[in-house]
Amino acid sequence: MILVLLNKIVFCFKGAVPTLTNSYVLLLFFWSVNVLIIELHKAELTFIS
């Protein structure tokens, strides 16, 4: 579900800003995924404690 949402966001970036290269979009995508994973780990830690 989250991945589908991220894919839509990346697709919107591609459509809105055609000048962006695919590599930049990929970097943005992976950065977003990393941020999400970090936030999920924080939430898990606070939930456990």
Protein backbone atom coordinates (compact mmCIF):
# COMPACT_ATOMS: atom_id res chain seq x y z
CA MET A 1 0.00 0.00 0.00
CA ILE A 2 2.76 2.44 1.01
CA LEU A 3 4.85 1.43 -2.00
CA VAL A 4 1.92 2.05 -4.34
CA LEU A 5 1.51 5.52 -2.86
CA LEU A 6 5.22 6.25 -3.28
CA ASN A 7 5.10 5.03 -6.88
CA LYS A 8 2.22 7.42 -7.55
CA ILE A 9 4.17 10.30 -6.00
CA VAL A 10 7.24 9.50 -8.10
CA PHE A 11 5.04 9.20 -11.20
CA CYS A 12 3.53 12.62 -10.43
CA PHE A 13 7.03 14.10 -10.10
CA LYS A 14 7.96 12.63 -13.48
CA GLY A 15 4.82 14.07 -15.07
CA ALA A 16 5.01 17.49 -13.41
CA VAL A 17 8.73 18.05 -13.94
CA PRO A 18 9.87 16.42 -17.21
CA THR A 19 13.33 17.98 -16.86
CA LEU A 20 14.10 15.70 -13.90
CA THR A 21 16.26 12.75 -14.85
CA ASN A 22 15.28 9.20 -13.90
CA SER A 23 18.29 8.93 -11.59
CA TYR A 24 17.15 11.97 -9.62
CA VAL A 25 13.64 10.54 -9.30
CA LEU A 26 15.13 7.23 -8.13
CA LEU A 27 17.24 9.03 -5.52
CA LEU A 28 14.15 10.86 -4.30
CA PHE A 29 12.23 7.59 -4.20
CA PHE A 30 14.91 5.74 -2.20
CA TRP A 31 15.31 8.71 0.15
CA SER A 32 11.55 8.67 0.81
CA VAL A 33 11.67 4.92 1.49
CA ASN A 34 14.60 5.36 3.90
CA VAL A 35 12.80 8.12 5.79
CA LEU A 36 9.68 5.95 6.04
CA ILE A 37 11.69 2.98 7.35
CA ILE A 38 13.42 5.17 9.95
CA GLU A 39 10.08 6.61 11.09
CA LEU A 40 8.56 3.13 11.29
CA HIS A 41 11.46 1.94 13.46
CA LYS A 42 11.02 4.95 15.74
CA ALA A 43 7.30 4.20 16.04
CA GLU A 44 8.01 0.53 16.81
CA LEU A 45 10.55 1.45 19.50
CA THR A 46 8.20 3.92 21.19
CA PHE A 47 5.33 1.43 20.94
CA ILE A 48 7.38 -1.37 22.55
CA SER A 49 8.69 0.82 25.38
